[in-house]
Structures are given as C-alpha cells and as structure tokens.
C-alpha cells in the first residue's frame, strides 16, 4: 500500500530550503526504497508556511528511509532553517484518481 508523509513547516529561508532539498535528492537518487514523489505546497493564507507531501511505495520503505543517517542529517538541517519545528503526519493512501 502506498504511503505518504506530510511535513508542515514554516521558514523565511525557502530558497535555502529548496537548495538543501535538491542537494539531498541528488545524493539519494537511485537508492531503492526511497521516496517516489514529492509535492511542495505553499499556504496562501500564511506566507511562510509550506507543506511537503512525500510518497513512498510502502510504509516499510518510509521507515527504512527515516532510519537512514542521510535522512536524519537532512531533517536536522531542515529544522535549522525553520521558524518553528516541523510537524509530520503519516498517512496510508486509500485511493488516488488521475483526472488528466
């Protein structure tokens, strides 16, 4: 079953956050069991609030990814760029629909 993690964070340093995310993605690309998709959302009502939806093939893949030292390093660096600690929501995907 597909699994997603939603990361809710606030930052005034979004360009640095994007650079950090892209550098980490390049280091981890091609690794089996990693994220399969990332969606970045910007809150229209709160200008420094963002949500990132990260998709995995399974909860087990997400747990392995979370246990990876590179992921821990990224999370620490990300938190340092935030104006408040990020929050995480874990979800099992129940249904998806493509309208295109």
N, C-alpha and C. Protein backbone atom coordinates (compact mmCIF):
# COMPACT_ATOMS: atom_id res chain seq x y z
N UNK A 1 0.83 -1.18 0.00
CA UNK A 1 0.00 0.00 0.00
C UNK A 1 0.88 1.24 0.00
N UNK A 2 0.57 2.19 -0.87
CA UNK A 2 1.31 3.45 -0.92
C UNK A 2 1.19 4.17 0.42
N UNK A 3 2.21 4.97 0.72
CA UNK A 3 2.28 5.68 1.98
C UNK A 3 2.80 7.08 1.71
N UNK A 4 2.26 8.07 2.41
CA UNK A 4 2.78 9.43 2.29
C UNK A 4 3.06 10.00 3.67
N UNK A 5 4.05 10.86 3.69
CA UNK A 5 4.33 11.64 4.89
C UNK A 5 4.15 13.10 4.50
N UNK A 6 3.43 13.83 5.33
CA UNK A 6 3.22 15.26 5.11
C UNK A 6 4.05 16.02 6.14
N UNK A 7 4.90 16.90 5.64
CA UNK A 7 5.74 17.71 6.52
C UNK A 7 5.21 19.14 6.45
N UNK A 8 4.83 19.67 7.59
CA UNK A 8 4.29 21.02 7.72
C UNK A 8 5.36 21.86 8.40
N UNK A 9 5.81 22.93 7.72
CA UNK A 9 6.86 23.75 8.31
C UNK A 9 6.70 25.21 7.91
N UNK A 10 7.37 26.07 8.66
CA UNK A 10 7.42 27.49 8.34
C UNK A 10 8.88 27.90 8.24
N UNK A 11 9.16 28.74 7.24
CA UNK A 11 10.51 29.24 7.05
C UNK A 11 10.49 30.58 6.34
N UNK A 12 11.46 31.39 6.66
CA UNK A 12 11.68 32.64 5.93
C UNK A 12 12.85 32.45 4.96
N UNK A 13 13.35 31.21 4.89
CA UNK A 13 14.54 30.90 4.09
C UNK A 13 14.24 29.79 3.08
N UNK A 14 13.16 29.97 2.32
CA UNK A 14 12.70 28.91 1.41
C UNK A 14 13.71 28.61 0.31
N UNK A 15 14.44 29.60 -0.16
CA UNK A 15 15.43 29.32 -1.20
C UNK A 15 16.53 28.39 -0.67
N UNK A 16 16.96 28.61 0.56
CA UNK A 16 17.96 27.72 1.16
C UNK A 16 17.37 26.33 1.39
N UNK A 17 16.09 26.29 1.77
CA UNK A 17 15.41 25.01 1.98
C UNK A 17 15.35 24.23 0.67
N UNK A 18 15.02 24.91 -0.42
CA UNK A 18 14.95 24.25 -1.73
C UNK A 18 16.33 23.72 -2.14
N UNK A 19 17.35 24.53 -1.93
CA UNK A 19 18.71 24.11 -2.28
C UNK A 19 19.11 22.87 -1.48
N UNK A 20 18.82 22.88 -0.19
CA UNK A 20 19.11 21.73 0.66
C UNK A 20 18.38 20.49 0.17
N UNK A 21 17.10 20.64 -0.18
CA UNK A 21 16.31 19.50 -0.66
C UNK A 21 16.87 18.95 -1.96
N UNK A 22 17.24 19.83 -2.89
CA UNK A 22 17.78 19.38 -4.18
C UNK A 22 19.14 18.69 -4.00
N UNK A 23 19.99 19.22 -3.14
CA UNK A 23 21.28 18.57 -2.88
C UNK A 23 21.08 17.18 -2.30
N UNK A 24 20.15 17.07 -1.35
CA UNK A 24 19.88 15.77 -0.73
C UNK A 24 19.28 14.80 -1.74
N UNK A 25 18.37 15.27 -2.58
CA UNK A 25 17.78 14.41 -3.61
C UNK A 25 18.84 13.87 -4.56
N UNK A 26 19.79 14.70 -4.93
CA UNK A 26 20.86 14.25 -5.83
C UNK A 26 21.71 13.18 -5.16
N UNK A 27 22.02 13.35 -3.89
CA UNK A 27 22.82 12.34 -3.18
C UNK A 27 22.08 11.02 -3.04
N UNK A 28 20.77 11.09 -2.88
CA UNK A 28 19.99 9.88 -2.60
C UNK A 28 19.29 9.29 -3.82
N UNK A 29 19.38 9.95 -4.97
CA UNK A 29 18.66 9.45 -6.15
C UNK A 29 19.18 8.07 -6.55
N UNK A 30 18.24 7.26 -6.99
CA UNK A 30 18.59 5.92 -7.42
C UNK A 30 18.63 4.90 -6.30
N UNK A 31 18.51 5.35 -5.07
CA UNK A 31 18.52 4.44 -3.93
C UNK A 31 17.17 3.73 -3.86
N UNK A 32 17.19 2.41 -3.75
CA UNK A 32 15.93 1.68 -3.70
C UNK A 32 15.23 1.93 -2.36
N UNK A 33 13.91 1.96 -2.42
CA UNK A 33 13.12 2.14 -1.20
C UNK A 33 12.96 3.58 -0.76
N UNK A 34 13.50 4.50 -1.54
CA UNK A 34 13.38 5.91 -1.18
C UNK A 34 12.05 6.48 -1.65
N UNK A 35 11.89 7.78 -1.46
CA UNK A 35 10.65 8.42 -1.92
C UNK A 35 10.46 8.27 -3.42
N UNK A 36 9.20 8.20 -3.83
CA UNK A 36 8.90 8.07 -5.26
C UNK A 36 8.35 9.38 -5.84
N UNK A 37 7.88 10.27 -4.98
CA UNK A 37 7.31 11.53 -5.45
C UNK A 37 7.35 12.54 -4.31
N UNK A 38 7.49 13.83 -4.70
CA UNK A 38 7.47 14.92 -3.71
C UNK A 38 6.62 16.04 -4.28
N UNK A 39 5.75 16.56 -3.45
CA UNK A 39 4.88 17.67 -3.83
C UNK A 39 5.07 18.76 -2.79
N UNK A 40 5.43 19.97 -3.23
CA UNK A 40 5.65 21.09 -2.32
C UNK A 40 4.49 22.07 -2.48
N UNK A 41 3.87 22.43 -1.38
CA UNK A 41 2.72 23.33 -1.37
C UNK A 41 3.03 24.55 -0.53
N UNK A 42 2.57 25.72 -0.98
CA UNK A 42 2.74 26.96 -0.23
C UNK A 42 1.36 27.43 0.22
N UNK A 43 1.22 27.69 1.50
CA UNK A 43 -0.04 28.15 2.07
C UNK A 43 -0.32 29.58 1.62
N UNK A 44 -1.46 29.82 0.99
CA UNK A 44 -1.80 31.17 0.52
C UNK A 44 -2.16 32.09 1.68
N UNK A 45 -2.63 31.52 2.78
CA UNK A 45 -3.06 32.33 3.92
C UNK A 45 -1.93 32.70 4.87
N UNK A 46 -0.91 31.87 4.93
CA UNK A 46 0.25 32.11 5.80
C UNK A 46 1.49 32.06 4.91
N UNK A 47 2.06 33.21 4.56
CA UNK A 47 3.08 33.26 3.51
C UNK A 47 4.36 32.47 3.77
N UNK A 48 4.70 32.15 5.00
CA UNK A 48 5.93 31.40 5.27
C UNK A 48 5.65 29.94 5.63
N UNK A 49 4.42 29.48 5.41
CA UNK A 49 4.06 28.10 5.73
C UNK A 49 4.04 27.25 4.47
N UNK A 50 4.63 26.07 4.58
CA UNK A 50 4.73 25.14 3.47
C UNK A 50 4.33 23.75 3.94
N UNK A 51 3.84 22.95 3.01
CA UNK A 51 3.55 21.54 3.24
C UNK A 51 4.26 20.77 2.15
N UNK A 52 4.92 19.71 2.54
CA UNK A 52 5.58 18.84 1.57
C UNK A 52 4.97 17.45 1.73
N UNK A 53 4.48 16.91 0.63
CA UNK A 53 3.91 15.57 0.62
C UNK A 53 4.93 14.66 -0.05
N UNK A 54 5.41 13.67 0.70
CA UNK A 54 6.41 12.75 0.17
C UNK A 54 5.79 11.36 0.08
N UNK A 55 5.82 10.78 -1.12
CA UNK A 55 5.18 9.49 -1.36
C UNK A 55 6.23 8.38 -1.39
N UNK A 56 5.85 7.24 -0.82
CA UNK A 56 6.67 6.03 -0.82
C UNK A 56 5.81 4.87 -1.33
N UNK A 57 6.47 3.83 -1.81
CA UNK A 57 5.73 2.64 -2.25
C UNK A 57 5.07 1.92 -1.08
N UNK A 58 5.63 2.06 0.13
CA UNK A 58 5.08 1.37 1.30
C UNK A 58 5.53 2.07 2.58
N UNK A 59 4.84 1.78 3.66
CA UNK A 59 5.23 2.29 4.97
C UNK A 59 6.61 1.77 5.35
N UNK A 60 6.88 0.53 5.01
CA UNK A 60 8.18 -0.07 5.32
C UNK A 60 9.32 0.69 4.64
N UNK A 61 9.11 1.09 3.38
CA UNK A 61 10.13 1.89 2.68
C UNK A 61 10.34 3.23 3.40
N UNK A 62 9.25 3.83 3.85
CA UNK A 62 9.35 5.11 4.56
C UNK A 62 10.13 4.96 5.86
N UNK A 63 9.90 3.88 6.57
CA UNK A 63 10.62 3.63 7.83
C UNK A 63 12.10 3.44 7.56
N UNK A 64 12.43 2.66 6.54
CA UNK A 64 13.85 2.47 6.19
C UNK A 64 14.49 3.80 5.80
N UNK A 65 13.76 4.60 5.04
CA UNK A 65 14.27 5.91 4.64
C UNK A 65 14.50 6.79 5.87
N UNK A 66 13.55 6.76 6.78
CA UNK A 66 13.65 7.57 8.00
C UNK A 66 14.85 7.15 8.86
N UNK A 67 15.17 5.87 8.86
CA UNK A 67 16.29 5.35 9.65
C UNK A 67 17.65 5.63 9.03
N UNK A 68 17.68 6.06 7.78
CA UNK A 68 18.94 6.32 7.08
C UNK A 68 19.63 7.56 7.67
N UNK A 69 20.92 7.48 7.97
CA UNK A 69 21.63 8.63 8.52
C UNK A 69 21.57 9.88 7.64
N UNK A 70 21.53 9.71 6.32
CA UNK A 70 21.41 10.86 5.41
C UNK A 70 20.08 11.59 5.62
N UNK A 71 19.02 10.82 5.85
CA UNK A 71 17.71 11.42 6.10
C UNK A 71 17.72 12.17 7.42
N UNK A 72 18.34 11.59 8.43
CA UNK A 72 18.46 12.26 9.74
C UNK A 72 19.22 13.57 9.60
N UNK A 73 20.30 13.55 8.85
CA UNK A 73 21.10 14.75 8.62
C UNK A 73 20.26 15.82 7.92
N UNK A 74 19.52 15.42 6.88
CA UNK A 74 18.66 16.35 6.16
C UNK A 74 17.63 16.96 7.11
N UNK A 75 16.98 16.13 7.93
CA UNK A 75 15.94 16.62 8.84
C UNK A 75 16.51 17.65 9.82
N UNK A 76 17.72 17.42 10.31
CA UNK A 76 18.35 18.36 11.23
C UNK A 76 18.66 19.68 10.53
N UNK A 77 19.18 19.59 9.30
CA UNK A 77 19.50 20.81 8.55
C UNK A 77 18.22 21.56 8.18
N UNK A 78 17.19 20.83 7.83
CA UNK A 78 15.91 21.44 7.50
C UNK A 78 15.34 22.18 8.71
N UNK A 79 15.34 21.53 9.87
CA UNK A 79 14.79 22.13 11.08
C UNK A 79 15.52 23.43 11.43
N UNK A 80 16.82 23.49 11.14
CA UNK A 80 17.60 24.69 11.43
C UNK A 80 17.16 25.88 10.56
N UNK A 81 16.54 25.61 9.42
CA UNK A 81 16.06 26.67 8.54
C UNK A 81 14.62 27.09 8.84
N UNK A 82 13.98 26.40 9.76
CA UNK A 82 12.58 26.66 10.08
C UNK A 82 12.43 27.68 11.20
N UNK A 83 11.30 28.39 11.18
CA UNK A 83 10.99 29.34 12.25
C UNK A 83 10.23 28.67 13.39
N UNK A 84 9.78 27.45 13.18
CA UNK A 84 9.19 26.61 14.23
C UNK A 84 9.50 25.17 13.87
N UNK A 85 9.50 24.27 14.83
CA UNK A 85 9.78 22.87 14.49
C UNK A 85 8.77 22.33 13.49
N UNK A 86 9.23 21.58 12.48
CA UNK A 86 8.29 20.98 11.54
C UNK A 86 7.44 19.92 12.22
N UNK A 87 6.24 19.71 11.69
CA UNK A 87 5.39 18.61 12.18
C UNK A 87 5.22 17.60 11.06
N UNK A 88 5.03 16.35 11.43
CA UNK A 88 4.96 15.25 10.48
C UNK A 88 3.65 14.49 10.66
N UNK A 89 2.99 14.19 9.54
CA UNK A 89 1.77 13.40 9.55
C UNK A 89 1.98 12.22 8.61
N UNK A 90 1.76 11.01 9.11
CA UNK A 90 1.93 9.78 8.33
C UNK A 90 0.58 9.26 7.88
N UNK A 91 0.47 8.94 6.59
CA UNK A 91 -0.82 8.53 6.02
C UNK A 91 -0.67 7.33 5.10
N UNK A 92 -1.60 6.38 5.22
CA UNK A 92 -1.73 5.32 4.24
C UNK A 92 -2.62 5.84 3.12
N UNK A 93 -2.21 5.65 1.88
CA UNK A 93 -3.00 6.12 0.74
C UNK A 93 -4.15 5.13 0.55
N UNK A 94 -5.35 5.65 0.59
CA UNK A 94 -6.54 4.81 0.44
C UNK A 94 -7.02 4.76 -1.01
N UNK A 95 -6.84 5.87 -1.72
CA UNK A 95 -7.35 5.94 -3.09
C UNK A 95 -6.70 7.11 -3.80
N UNK A 96 -6.42 6.96 -5.06
CA UNK A 96 -5.94 8.06 -5.90
C UNK A 96 -6.73 8.07 -7.20
N UNK A 97 -6.89 9.26 -7.75
CA UNK A 97 -7.57 9.43 -9.02
C UNK A 97 -6.79 10.41 -9.86
N UNK A 98 -6.47 10.04 -11.08
CA UNK A 98 -5.84 10.94 -12.03
C UNK A 98 -6.92 11.47 -12.95
N UNK A 99 -7.03 12.78 -13.06
CA UNK A 99 -8.06 13.40 -13.89
C UNK A 99 -7.55 13.83 -15.25
N UNK A 100 -6.28 13.65 -15.51
CA UNK A 100 -5.72 14.10 -16.79
C UNK A 100 -5.99 13.10 -17.88
